Amino acid sequence: RVFLFDLDGTLVLGRKPIGGAGEFLDFLK
């Protein structure tokens, strides 16, 4: 039902997205 993600180091590094993170969040939505 819910997916928890740590922001730093899992979805982004500083101000740069980690490859595939945005696409995976879109997939979940």
mmCIF file of all heavy atoms, coordinates in Angstrom:
data_MODEL
# 
_entry.id   MODEL 
# 
loop_
_atom_site.group_PDB 
_atom_site.id 
_atom_site.type_symbol 
_atom_site.label_atom_id 
_atom_site.label_alt_id 
_atom_site.label_comp_id 
_atom_site.label_asym_id 
_atom_site.label_entity_id 
_atom_site.label_seq_id 
_atom_site.pdbx_PDB_ins_code 
_atom_site.Cartn_x 
_atom_site.Cartn_y 
_atom_site.Cartn_z 
_atom_site.occupancy 
_atom_site.B_iso_or_equiv 
_atom_site.pdbx_formal_charge 
_atom_site.auth_seq_id 
_atom_site.auth_comp_id 
_atom_site.auth_asym_id 
_atom_site.auth_atom_id 
_atom_site.pdbx_PDB_model_num 
ATOM 1   N N   . ARG A 1 1  ? 0.800  -1.221 0.000   1.00 0.00 ? 1  ARG A N   1 
ATOM 2   C CA  . ARG A 1 1  ? 0.000  0.000  0.000   1.00 0.00 ? 1  ARG A CA  1 
ATOM 3   C C   . ARG A 1 1  ? 0.831  1.267  0.000   1.00 0.00 ? 1  ARG A C   1 
ATOM 4   O O   . ARG A 1 1  ? 0.439  2.264  -0.575  1.00 0.00 ? 1  ARG A O   1 
ATOM 5   C CB  . ARG A 1 1  ? -0.940 -0.018 1.188   1.00 0.00 ? 1  ARG A CB  1 
ATOM 6   C CG  . ARG A 1 1  ? -1.969 -1.117 1.018   1.00 0.00 ? 1  ARG A CG  1 
ATOM 7   C CD  . ARG A 1 1  ? -2.932 -1.279 2.157   1.00 0.00 ? 1  ARG A CD  1 
ATOM 8   N NE  . ARG A 1 1  ? -3.305 -0.050 2.794   1.00 0.00 ? 1  ARG A NE  1 
ATOM 9   C CZ  . ARG A 1 1  ? -3.839 0.019  3.993   1.00 0.00 ? 1  ARG A CZ  1 
ATOM 10  N NH1 . ARG A 1 1  ? -4.052 -1.066 4.672   1.00 0.00 ? 1  ARG A NH1 1 
ATOM 11  N NH2 . ARG A 1 1  ? -4.147 1.171  4.528   1.00 0.00 ? 1  ARG A NH2 1 
ATOM 12  N N   . VAL A 1 2  ? 1.974  1.230  0.674   1.00 0.00 ? 2  VAL A N   1 
ATOM 13  C CA  . VAL A 1 2  ? 2.803  2.423  0.794   1.00 0.00 ? 2  VAL A CA  1 
ATOM 14  C C   . VAL A 1 2  ? 4.256  2.030  0.584   1.00 0.00 ? 2  VAL A C   1 
ATOM 15  O O   . VAL A 1 2  ? 4.700  0.987  1.042   1.00 0.00 ? 2  VAL A O   1 
ATOM 16  C CB  . VAL A 1 2  ? 2.641  3.081  2.191   1.00 0.00 ? 2  VAL A CB  1 
ATOM 17  C CG1 . VAL A 1 2  ? 3.570  4.260  2.346   1.00 0.00 ? 2  VAL A CG1 1 
ATOM 18  C CG2 . VAL A 1 2  ? 1.198  3.495  2.430   1.00 0.00 ? 2  VAL A CG2 1 
ATOM 19  N N   . PHE A 1 3  ? 4.992  2.878  -0.118  1.00 0.00 ? 3  PHE A N   1 
ATOM 20  C CA  . PHE A 1 3  ? 6.417  2.674  -0.348  1.00 0.00 ? 3  PHE A CA  1 
ATOM 21  C C   . PHE A 1 3  ? 7.160  3.857  0.253   1.00 0.00 ? 3  PHE A C   1 
ATOM 22  O O   . PHE A 1 3  ? 6.916  5.003  -0.114  1.00 0.00 ? 3  PHE A O   1 
ATOM 23  C CB  . PHE A 1 3  ? 6.714  2.584  -1.848  1.00 0.00 ? 3  PHE A CB  1 
ATOM 24  C CG  . PHE A 1 3  ? 6.162  1.349  -2.475  1.00 0.00 ? 3  PHE A CG  1 
ATOM 25  C CD1 . PHE A 1 3  ? 4.816  1.258  -2.798  1.00 0.00 ? 3  PHE A CD1 1 
ATOM 26  C CD2 . PHE A 1 3  ? 6.981  0.268  -2.729  1.00 0.00 ? 3  PHE A CD2 1 
ATOM 27  C CE1 . PHE A 1 3  ? 4.292  0.111  -3.364  1.00 0.00 ? 3  PHE A CE1 1 
ATOM 28  C CE2 . PHE A 1 3  ? 6.463  -0.888 -3.295  1.00 0.00 ? 3  PHE A CE2 1 
ATOM 29  C CZ  . PHE A 1 3  ? 5.126  -0.966 -3.602  1.00 0.00 ? 3  PHE A CZ  1 
ATOM 30  N N   . LEU A 1 4  ? 8.054  3.591  1.195   1.00 0.00 ? 4  LEU A N   1 
ATOM 31  C CA  . LEU A 1 4  ? 8.842  4.635  1.840   1.00 0.00 ? 4  LEU A CA  1 
ATOM 32  C C   . LEU A 1 4  ? 10.207 4.738  1.180   1.00 0.00 ? 4  LEU A C   1 
ATOM 33  O O   . LEU A 1 4  ? 10.874 3.725  0.955   1.00 0.00 ? 4  LEU A O   1 
ATOM 34  C CB  . LEU A 1 4  ? 9.044  4.327  3.328   1.00 0.00 ? 4  LEU A CB  1 
ATOM 35  C CG  . LEU A 1 4  ? 7.811  4.306  4.200   1.00 0.00 ? 4  LEU A CG  1 
ATOM 36  C CD1 . LEU A 1 4  ? 8.177  3.866  5.614   1.00 0.00 ? 4  LEU A CD1 1 
ATOM 37  C CD2 . LEU A 1 4  ? 7.135  5.658  4.219   1.00 0.00 ? 4  LEU A CD2 1 
ATOM 38  N N   . PHE A 1 5  ? 10.605 5.969  0.876   1.00 0.00 ? 5  PHE A N   1 
ATOM 39  C CA  . PHE A 1 5  ? 11.898 6.231  0.263   1.00 0.00 ? 5  PHE A CA  1 
ATOM 40  C C   . PHE A 1 5  ? 12.621 7.297  1.046   1.00 0.00 ? 5  PHE A C   1 
ATOM 41  O O   . PHE A 1 5  ? 12.052 8.335  1.353   1.00 0.00 ? 5  PHE A O   1 
ATOM 42  C CB  . PHE A 1 5  ? 11.731 6.747  -1.179  1.00 0.00 ? 5  PHE A CB  1 
ATOM 43  C CG  . PHE A 1 5  ? 11.098 5.761  -2.097  1.00 0.00 ? 5  PHE A CG  1 
ATOM 44  C CD1 . PHE A 1 5  ? 9.731  5.785  -2.308  1.00 0.00 ? 5  PHE A CD1 1 
ATOM 45  C CD2 . PHE A 1 5  ? 11.862 4.824  -2.752  1.00 0.00 ? 5  PHE A CD2 1 
ATOM 46  C CE1 . PHE A 1 5  ? 9.130  4.878  -3.158  1.00 0.00 ? 5  PHE A CE1 1 
ATOM 47  C CE2 . PHE A 1 5  ? 11.276 3.907  -3.604  1.00 0.00 ? 5  PHE A CE2 1 
ATOM 48  C CZ  . PHE A 1 5  ? 9.912  3.938  -3.808  1.00 0.00 ? 5  PHE A CZ  1 
ATOM 49  N N   . ASP A 1 6  ? 13.890 7.056  1.348   1.00 0.00 ? 6  ASP A N   1 
ATOM 50  C CA  . ASP A 1 6  ? 14.739 8.100  1.894   1.00 0.00 ? 6  ASP A CA  1 
ATOM 51  C C   . ASP A 1 6  ? 15.101 9.010  0.729   1.00 0.00 ? 6  ASP A C   1 
ATOM 52  O O   . ASP A 1 6  ? 15.407 8.545  -0.367  1.00 0.00 ? 6  ASP A O   1 
ATOM 53  C CB  . ASP A 1 6  ? 15.997 7.484  2.510   1.00 0.00 ? 6  ASP A CB  1 
ATOM 54  C CG  . ASP A 1 6  ? 16.912 8.531  3.091   1.00 0.00 ? 6  ASP A CG  1 
ATOM 55  O OD1 . ASP A 1 6  ? 16.405 9.498  3.701   1.00 0.00 ? 6  ASP A OD1 1 
ATOM 56  O OD2 . ASP A 1 6  ? 18.125 8.405  2.930   1.00 0.00 ? 6  ASP A OD2 1 
ATOM 57  N N   . LEU A 1 7  ? 15.050 10.307 0.941   1.00 0.00 ? 7  LEU A N   1 
ATOM 58  C CA  . LEU A 1 7  ? 15.311 11.250 -0.142  1.00 0.00 ? 7  LEU A CA  1 
ATOM 59  C C   . LEU A 1 7  ? 16.773 11.196 -0.600  1.00 0.00 ? 7  LEU A C   1 
ATOM 60  O O   . LEU A 1 7  ? 17.063 10.923 -1.763  1.00 0.00 ? 7  LEU A O   1 
ATOM 61  C CB  . LEU A 1 7  ? 14.946 12.665 0.313   1.00 0.00 ? 7  LEU A CB  1 
ATOM 62  C CG  . LEU A 1 7  ? 15.167 13.785 -0.696  1.00 0.00 ? 7  LEU A CG  1 
ATOM 63  C CD1 . LEU A 1 7  ? 14.291 13.574 -1.913  1.00 0.00 ? 7  LEU A CD1 1 
ATOM 64  C CD2 . LEU A 1 7  ? 14.872 15.126 -0.048  1.00 0.00 ? 7  LEU A CD2 1 
ATOM 65  N N   . ASP A 1 8  ? 17.697 11.441 0.331   1.00 0.00 ? 8  ASP A N   1 
ATOM 66  C CA  . ASP A 1 8  ? 19.110 11.559 -0.033  1.00 0.00 ? 8  ASP A CA  1 
ATOM 67  C C   . ASP A 1 8  ? 19.763 10.194 -0.191  1.00 0.00 ? 8  ASP A C   1 
ATOM 68  O O   . ASP A 1 8  ? 19.731 9.379  0.715   1.00 0.00 ? 8  ASP A O   1 
ATOM 69  C CB  . ASP A 1 8  ? 19.861 12.369 1.034   1.00 0.00 ? 8  ASP A CB  1 
ATOM 70  C CG  . ASP A 1 8  ? 19.361 13.798 1.114   1.00 0.00 ? 8  ASP A CG  1 
ATOM 71  O OD1 . ASP A 1 8  ? 19.232 14.420 0.054   1.00 0.00 ? 8  ASP A OD1 1 
ATOM 72  O OD2 . ASP A 1 8  ? 19.084 14.266 2.231   1.00 0.00 ? 8  ASP A OD2 1 
ATOM 73  N N   . GLY A 1 9  ? 20.322 9.963  -1.349  1.00 0.00 ? 9  GLY A N   1 
ATOM 74  C CA  . GLY A 1 9  ? 21.024 8.723  -1.618  1.00 0.00 ? 9  GLY A CA  1 
ATOM 75  C C   . GLY A 1 9  ? 20.151 7.618  -2.171  1.00 0.00 ? 9  GLY A C   1 
ATOM 76  O O   . GLY A 1 9  ? 20.652 6.584  -2.604  1.00 0.00 ? 9  GLY A O   1 
ATOM 77  N N   . THR A 1 10 ? 18.849 7.805  -2.164  1.00 0.00 ? 10 THR A N   1 
ATOM 78  C CA  . THR A 1 10 ? 17.937 6.807  -2.718  1.00 0.00 ? 10 THR A CA  1 
ATOM 79  C C   . THR A 1 10 ? 17.211 7.355  -3.938  1.00 0.00 ? 10 THR A C   1 
ATOM 80  O O   . THR A 1 10 ? 17.096 6.685  -4.949  1.00 0.00 ? 10 THR A O   1 
ATOM 81  C CB  . THR A 1 10 ? 16.905 6.366  -1.659  1.00 0.00 ? 10 THR A CB  1 
ATOM 82  O OG1 . THR A 1 10 ? 17.614 5.876  -0.528  1.00 0.00 ? 10 THR A OG1 1 
ATOM 83  C CG2 . THR A 1 10 ? 16.000 5.287  -2.183  1.00 0.00 ? 10 THR A CG2 1 
ATOM 84  N N   . LEU A 1 11 ? 16.730 8.586  -3.818  1.00 0.00 ? 11 LEU A N   1 
ATOM 85  C CA  . LEU A 1 11 ? 16.052 9.241  -4.941  1.00 0.00 ? 11 LEU A CA  1 
ATOM 86  C C   . LEU A 1 11 ? 16.920 10.300 -5.599  1.00 0.00 ? 11 LEU A C   1 
ATOM 87  O O   . LEU A 1 11 ? 16.866 10.487 -6.809  1.00 0.00 ? 11 LEU A O   1 
ATOM 88  C CB  . LEU A 1 11 ? 14.735 9.871  -4.471  1.00 0.00 ? 11 LEU A CB  1 
ATOM 89  C CG  . LEU A 1 11 ? 13.693 8.903  -3.921  1.00 0.00 ? 11 LEU A CG  1 
ATOM 90  C CD1 . LEU A 1 11 ? 12.477 9.670  -3.413  1.00 0.00 ? 11 LEU A CD1 1 
ATOM 91  C CD2 . LEU A 1 11 ? 13.287 7.879  -4.961  1.00 0.00 ? 11 LEU A CD2 1 
ATOM 92  N N   . VAL A 1 12 ? 17.700 10.998 -4.784  1.00 0.00 ? 12 VAL A N   1 
ATOM 93  C CA  . VAL A 1 12 ? 18.577 12.049 -5.305  1.00 0.00 ? 12 VAL A CA  1 
ATOM 94  C C   . VAL A 1 12 ? 19.930 11.995 -4.603  1.00 0.00 ? 12 VAL A C   1 
ATOM 95  O O   . VAL A 1 12 ? 20.049 11.473 -3.495  1.00 0.00 ? 12 VAL A O   1 
ATOM 96  C CB  . VAL A 1 12 ? 17.966 13.459 -5.107  1.00 0.00 ? 12 VAL A CB  1 
ATOM 97  C CG1 . VAL A 1 12 ? 16.666 13.617 -5.850  1.00 0.00 ? 12 VAL A CG1 1 
ATOM 98  C CG2 . VAL A 1 12 ? 17.781 13.790 -3.650  1.00 0.00 ? 12 VAL A CG2 1 
ATOM 99  N N   . LEU A 1 13 ? 20.930 12.513 -5.282  1.00 0.00 ? 13 LEU A N   1 
ATOM 100 C CA  . LEU A 1 13 ? 22.248 12.757 -4.684  1.00 0.00 ? 13 LEU A CA  1 
ATOM 101 C C   . LEU A 1 13 ? 22.482 14.254 -4.797  1.00 0.00 ? 13 LEU A C   1 
ATOM 102 O O   . LEU A 1 13 ? 22.690 14.756 -5.901  1.00 0.00 ? 13 LEU A O   1 
ATOM 103 C CB  . LEU A 1 13 ? 23.349 12.003 -5.414  1.00 0.00 ? 13 LEU A CB  1 
ATOM 104 C CG  . LEU A 1 13 ? 23.474 10.524 -5.115  1.00 0.00 ? 13 LEU A CG  1 
ATOM 105 C CD1 . LEU A 1 13 ? 24.516 9.876  -6.003  1.00 0.00 ? 13 LEU A CD1 1 
ATOM 106 C CD2 . LEU A 1 13 ? 23.809 10.300 -3.653  1.00 0.00 ? 13 LEU A CD2 1 
ATOM 107 N N   . GLY A 1 14 ? 22.375 14.962 -3.691  1.00 0.00 ? 14 GLY A N   1 
ATOM 108 C CA  . GLY A 1 14 ? 22.450 16.418 -3.744  1.00 0.00 ? 14 GLY A CA  1 
ATOM 109 C C   . GLY A 1 14 ? 21.250 16.958 -4.491  1.00 0.00 ? 14 GLY A C   1 
ATOM 110 O O   . GLY A 1 14 ? 20.121 16.791 -4.069  1.00 0.00 ? 14 GLY A O   1 
ATOM 111 N N   . ARG A 1 15 ? 21.502 17.546 -5.642  1.00 0.00 ? 15 ARG A N   1 
ATOM 112 C CA  . ARG A 1 15 ? 20.424 18.074 -6.485  1.00 0.00 ? 15 ARG A CA  1 
ATOM 113 C C   . ARG A 1 15 ? 20.277 17.276 -7.781  1.00 0.00 ? 15 ARG A C   1 
ATOM 114 O O   . ARG A 1 15 ? 19.598 17.712 -8.713  1.00 0.00 ? 15 ARG A O   1 
ATOM 115 C CB  . ARG A 1 15 ? 20.689 19.540 -6.827  1.00 0.00 ? 15 ARG A CB  1 
ATOM 116 C CG  . ARG A 1 15 ? 20.668 20.443 -5.627  1.00 0.00 ? 15 ARG A CG  1 
ATOM 117 C CD  . ARG A 1 15 ? 19.303 20.988 -5.434  1.00 0.00 ? 15 ARG A CD  1 
ATOM 118 N NE  . ARG A 1 15 ? 19.257 21.866 -4.269  1.00 0.00 ? 15 ARG A NE  1 
ATOM 119 C CZ  . ARG A 1 15 ? 18.133 22.187 -3.693  1.00 0.00 ? 15 ARG A CZ  1 
ATOM 120 N NH1 . ARG A 1 15 ? 17.008 21.716 -4.137  1.00 0.00 ? 15 ARG A NH1 1 
ATOM 121 N NH2 . ARG A 1 15 ? 18.151 22.973 -2.659  1.00 0.00 ? 15 ARG A NH2 1 
ATOM 122 N N   . LYS A 1 16 ? 20.891 16.104 -7.838  1.00 0.00 ? 16 LYS A N   1 
ATOM 123 C CA  . LYS A 1 16 ? 20.817 15.278 -9.048  1.00 0.00 ? 16 LYS A CA  1 
ATOM 124 C C   . LYS A 1 16 ? 19.988 14.031 -8.777  1.00 0.00 ? 16 LYS A C   1 
ATOM 125 O O   . LYS A 1 16 ? 20.203 13.334 -7.789  1.00 0.00 ? 16 LYS A O   1 
ATOM 126 C CB  . LYS A 1 16 ? 22.217 14.871 -9.506  1.00 0.00 ? 16 LYS A CB  1 
ATOM 127 C CG  . LYS A 1 16 ? 23.047 16.034 -9.959  1.00 0.00 ? 16 LYS A CG  1 
ATOM 128 C CD  . LYS A 1 16 ? 24.367 15.563 -10.504 1.00 0.00 ? 16 LYS A CD  1 
ATOM 129 C CE  . LYS A 1 16 ? 25.174 16.772 -10.952 1.00 0.00 ? 16 LYS A CE  1 
ATOM 130 N NZ  . LYS A 1 16 ? 26.394 16.378 -11.616 1.00 0.00 ? 16 LYS A NZ  1 
ATOM 131 N N   . PRO A 1 17 ? 19.026 13.740 -9.677  1.00 0.00 ? 17 PRO A N   1 
ATOM 132 C CA  . PRO A 1 17 ? 18.221 12.530 -9.488  1.00 0.00 ? 17 PRO A CA  1 
ATOM 133 C C   . PRO A 1 17 ? 19.038 11.274 -9.731  1.00 0.00 ? 17 PRO A C   1 
ATOM 134 O O   . PRO A 1 17 ? 19.960 11.268 -10.550 1.00 0.00 ? 17 PRO A O   1 
ATOM 135 C CB  . PRO A 1 17 ? 17.116 12.663 -10.537 1.00 0.00 ? 17 PRO A CB  1 
ATOM 136 C CG  . PRO A 1 17 ? 17.684 13.558 -11.587 1.00 0.00 ? 17 PRO A CG  1 
ATOM 137 C CD  . PRO A 1 17 ? 18.645 14.477 -10.881 1.00 0.00 ? 17 PRO A CD  1 
ATOM 138 N N   . ILE A 1 18 ? 18.723 10.234 -9.006  1.00 0.00 ? 18 ILE A N   1 
ATOM 139 C CA  . ILE A 1 18 ? 19.329 8.933  -9.252  1.00 0.00 ? 18 ILE A CA  1 
ATOM 140 C C   . ILE A 1 18 ? 18.581 8.296  -10.411 1.00 0.00 ? 18 ILE A C   1 
ATOM 141 O O   . ILE A 1 18 ? 17.342 8.340  -10.466 1.00 0.00 ? 18 ILE A O   1 
ATOM 142 C CB  . ILE A 1 18 ? 19.278 8.068  -7.975  1.00 0.00 ? 18 ILE A CB  1 
ATOM 143 C CG1 . ILE A 1 18 ? 20.213 8.686  -6.933  1.00 0.00 ? 18 ILE A CG1 1 
ATOM 144 C CG2 . ILE A 1 18 ? 19.635 6.610  -8.273  1.00 0.00 ? 18 ILE A CG2 1 
ATOM 145 C CD1 . ILE A 1 18 ? 20.261 7.983  -5.615  1.00 0.00 ? 18 ILE A CD1 1 
ATOM 146 N N   . GLY A 1 19 ? 19.303 7.727  -11.339 1.00 0.00 ? 19 GLY A N   1 
ATOM 147 C CA  . GLY A 1 19 ? 18.707 7.157  -12.540 1.00 0.00 ? 19 GLY A CA  1 
ATOM 148 C C   . GLY A 1 19 ? 17.541 6.225  -12.256 1.00 0.00 ? 19 GLY A C   1 
ATOM 149 O O   . GLY A 1 19 ? 17.657 5.321  -11.436 1.00 0.00 ? 19 GLY A O   1 
ATOM 150 N N   . GLY A 1 20 ? 16.417 6.494  -12.892 1.00 0.00 ? 20 GLY A N   1 
ATOM 151 C CA  . GLY A 1 20 ? 15.236 5.652  -12.764 1.00 0.00 ? 20 GLY A CA  1 
ATOM 152 C C   . GLY A 1 20 ? 14.314 6.017  -11.616 1.00 0.00 ? 20 GLY A C   1 
ATOM 153 O O   . GLY A 1 20 ? 13.194 5.526  -11.536 1.00 0.00 ? 20 GLY A O   1 
ATOM 154 N N   . ALA A 1 21 ? 14.766 6.903  -10.713 1.00 0.00 ? 21 ALA A N   1 
ATOM 155 C CA  . ALA A 1 21 ? 13.955 7.234  -9.532  1.00 0.00 ? 21 ALA A CA  1 
ATOM 156 C C   . ALA A 1 21 ? 12.641 7.905  -9.921  1.00 0.00 ? 21 ALA A C   1 
ATOM 157 O O   . ALA A 1 21 ? 11.572 7.518  -9.441  1.00 0.00 ? 21 ALA A O   1 
ATOM 158 C CB  . ALA A 1 21 ? 14.736 8.123  -8.571  1.00 0.00 ? 21 ALA A CB  1 
ATOM 159 N N   . GLY A 1 22 ? 12.711 8.900  -10.786 1.00 0.00 ? 22 GLY A N   1 
ATOM 160 C CA  . GLY A 1 22 ? 11.501 9.602  -11.206 1.00 0.00 ? 22 GLY A CA  1 
ATOM 161 C C   . GLY A 1 22 ? 10.536 8.688  -11.927 1.00 0.00 ? 22 GLY A C   1 
ATOM 162 O O   . GLY A 1 22 ? 9.321  8.726  -11.684 1.00 0.00 ? 22 GLY A O   1 
ATOM 163 N N   . GLU A 1 23 ? 11.076 7.841  -12.784 1.00 0.00 ? 23 GLU A N   1 
ATOM 164 C CA  . GLU A 1 23 ? 10.237 6.899  -13.538 1.00 0.00 ? 23 GLU A CA  1 
ATOM 165 C C   . GLU A 1 23 ? 9.556  5.903  -12.601 1.00 0.00 ? 23 GLU A C   1 
ATOM 166 O O   . GLU A 1 23 ? 8.395  5.554  -12.797 1.00 0.00 ? 23 GLU A O   1 
ATOM 167 C CB  . GLU A 1 23 ? 11.065 6.149  -14.583 1.00 0.00 ? 23 GLU A CB  1 
ATOM 168 C CG  . GLU A 1 23 ? 11.573 7.028  -15.704 1.00 0.00 ? 23 GLU A CG  1 
ATOM 169 C CD  . GLU A 1 23 ? 12.884 7.726  -15.385 1.00 0.00 ? 23 GLU A CD  1 
ATOM 170 O OE1 . GLU A 1 23 ? 13.388 7.645  -14.230 1.00 0.00 ? 23 GLU A OE1 1 
ATOM 171 O OE2 . GLU A 1 23 ? 13.409 8.401  -16.295 1.00 0.00 ? 23 GLU A OE2 1 
ATOM 172 N N   . PHE A 1 24 ? 10.289 5.446  -11.577 1.00 0.00 ? 24 PHE A N   1 
ATOM 173 C CA  . PHE A 1 24 ? 9.690  4.500  -10.645 1.00 0.00 ? 24 PHE A CA  1 
ATOM 174 C C   . PHE A 1 24 ? 8.585  5.159  -9.824  1.00 0.00 ? 24 PHE A C   1 
ATOM 175 O O   . PHE A 1 24 ? 7.524  4.572  -9.614  1.00 0.00 ? 24 PHE A O   1 
ATOM 176 C CB  . PHE A 1 24 ? 10.745 3.878  -9.725  1.00 0.00 ? 24 PHE A CB  1 
ATOM 177 C CG  . PHE A 1 24 ? 10.195 2.788  -8.849  1.00 0.00 ? 24 PHE A CG  1 
ATOM 178 C CD1 . PHE A 1 24 ? 9.668  1.638  -9.408  1.00 0.00 ? 24 PHE A CD1 1 
ATOM 179 C CD2 . PHE A 1 24 ? 10.180 2.926  -7.474  1.00 0.00 ? 24 PHE A CD2 1 
ATOM 180 C CE1 . PHE A 1 24 ? 9.137  0.626  -8.605  1.00 0.00 ? 24 PHE A CE1 1 
ATOM 181 C CE2 . PHE A 1 24 ? 9.653  1.924  -6.662  1.00 0.00 ? 24 PHE A CE2 1 
ATOM 182 C CZ  . PHE A 1 24 ? 9.136  0.775  -7.242  1.00 0.00 ? 24 PHE A CZ  1 
ATOM 183 N N   . LEU A 1 25 ? 8.798  6.396  -9.383  1.00 0.00 ? 25 LEU A N   1 
ATOM 184 C CA  . LEU A 1 25 ? 7.746  7.111  -8.662  1.00 0.00 ? 25 LEU A CA  1 
ATOM 185 C C   . LEU A 1 25 ? 6.521  7.309  -9.551  1.00 0.00 ? 25 LEU A C   1 
ATOM 186 O O   . LEU A 1 25 ? 5.388  7.145  -9.098  1.00 0.00 ? 25 LEU A O   1 
ATOM 187 C CB  . LEU A 1 25 ? 8.265  8.455  -8.151  1.00 0.00 ? 25 LEU A CB  1 
ATOM 188 C CG  . LEU A 1 25 ? 9.324  8.385  -7.052  1.00 0.00 ? 25 LEU A CG  1 
ATOM 189 C CD1 . LEU A 1 25 ? 9.834  9.787  -6.720  1.00 0.00 ? 25 LEU A CD1 1 
ATOM 190 C CD2 . LEU A 1 25 ? 8.805  7.688  -5.813  1.00 0.00 ? 25 LEU A CD2 1 
ATOM 191 N N   . ASP A 1 26 ? 6.743  7.638  -10.824 1.00 0.00 ? 26 ASP A N   1 
ATOM 192 C CA  . ASP A 1 26 ? 5.621  7.765  -11.772 1.00 0.00 ? 26 ASP A CA  1 
ATOM 193 C C   . ASP A 1 26 ? 4.888  6.437  -11.919 1.00 0.00 ? 26 ASP A C   1 
ATOM 194 O O   . ASP A 1 26 ? 3.657  6.400  -11.956 1.00 0.00 ? 26 ASP A O   1 
ATOM 195 C CB  . ASP A 1 26 ? 6.113  8.242  -13.139 1.00 0.00 ? 26 ASP A CB  1 
ATOM 196 C CG  . ASP A 1 26 ? 6.519  9.694  -13.142 1.00 0.00 ? 26 ASP A CG  1 
ATOM 197 O OD1 . ASP A 1 26 ? 6.111  10.441 -12.220 1.00 0.00 ? 26 ASP A OD1 1 
ATOM 198 O OD2 . ASP A 1 26 ? 7.258  10.090 -14.059 1.00 0.00 ? 26 ASP A OD2 1 
ATOM 199 N N   . PHE A 1 27 ? 5.634  5.348  -12.019 1.00 0.00 ? 27 PHE A N   1 
ATOM 200 C CA  . PHE A 1 27 ? 5.032  4.017  -12.123 1.00 0.00 ? 27 PHE A CA  1 
ATOM 201 C C   . PHE A 1 27 ? 4.144  3.731  -10.914 1.00 0.00 ? 27 PHE A C   1 
ATOM 202 O O   . PHE A 1 27 ? 3.018  3.254  -11.051 1.00 0.00 ? 27 PHE A O   1 
ATOM 203 C CB  . PHE A 1 27 ? 6.121  2.950  -12.244 1.00 0.00 ? 27 PHE A CB  1 
ATOM 204 C CG  . PHE A 1 27 ? 5.632  1.550  -11.986 1.00 0.00 ? 27 PHE A CG  1 
ATOM 205 C CD1 . PHE A 1 27 ? 4.927  0.864  -12.956 1.00 0.00 ? 27 PHE A CD1 1 
ATOM 206 C CD2 . PHE A 1 27 ? 5.876  0.939  -10.770 1.00 0.00 ? 27 PHE A CD2 1 
ATOM 207 C CE1 . PHE A 1 27 ? 4.458  -0.422 -12.714 1.00 0.00 ? 27 PHE A CE1 1 
ATOM 208 C CE2 . PHE A 1 27 ? 5.422  -0.345 -10.518 1.00 0.00 ? 27 PHE A CE2 1 
ATOM 209 C CZ  . PHE A 1 27 ? 4.708  -1.025 -11.498 1.00 0.00 ? 27 PHE A CZ  1 
ATOM 210 N N   . LEU A 1 28 ? 4.644  4.038  -9.721  1.00 0.00 ? 28 LEU A N   1 
ATOM 211 C CA  . LEU A 1 28 ? 3.851  3.800  -8.519  1.00 0.00 ? 28 LEU A CA  1 
ATOM 212 C C   . LEU A 1 28 ? 2.561  4.608  -8.542  1.00 0.00 ? 28 LEU A C   1 
ATOM 213 O O   . LEU A 1 28 ? 1.485  4.078  -8.247  1.00 0.00 ? 28 LEU A O   1 
ATOM 214 C CB  . LEU A 1 28 ? 4.664  4.144  -7.264  1.00 0.00 ? 28 LEU A CB  1 
ATOM 215 C CG  . LEU A 1 28 ? 5.835  3.222  -6.935  1.00 0.00 ? 28 LEU A CG  1 
ATOM 216 C CD1 . LEU A 1 28 ? 6.599  3.759  -5.729  1.00 0.00 ? 28 LEU A CD1 1 
ATOM 217 C CD2 . LEU A 1 28 ? 5.376  1.798  -6.705  1.00 0.00 ? 28 LEU A CD2 1 
ATOM 218 N N   . LYS A 1 29 ? 2.661  5.874  -8.920  1.00 0.00 ? 29 LYS A N   1 
ATOM 219 C CA  . LYS A 1 29 ? 1.463  6.712  -8.957  1.00 0.00 ? 29 LYS A CA  1 
ATOM 220 C C   . LYS A 1 29 ? 0.461  6.215  -9.991  1.00 0.00 ? 29 LYS A C   1 
ATOM 221 O O   . LYS A 1 29 ? -0.736 6.160  -9.718  1.00 0.00 ? 29 LYS A O   1 
ATOM 222 C CB  . LYS A 1 29 ? 1.847  8.164  -9.221  1.00 0.00 ? 29 LYS A CB  1 
ATOM 223 C CG  . LYS A 1 29 ? 2.506  8.816  -8.019  1.00 0.00 ? 29 LYS A CG  1 
ATOM 224 C CD  . LYS A 1 29 ? 2.726  10.280 -8.248  1.00 0.00 ? 29 LYS A CD  1 
ATOM 225 C CE  . LYS A 1 29 ? 4.194  10.520 -8.463  1.00 0.00 ? 29 LYS A CE  1 
ATOM 226 N NZ  . LYS A 1 29 ? 4.535  11.907 -8.663  1.00 0.00 ? 29 LYS A NZ  1 
# 
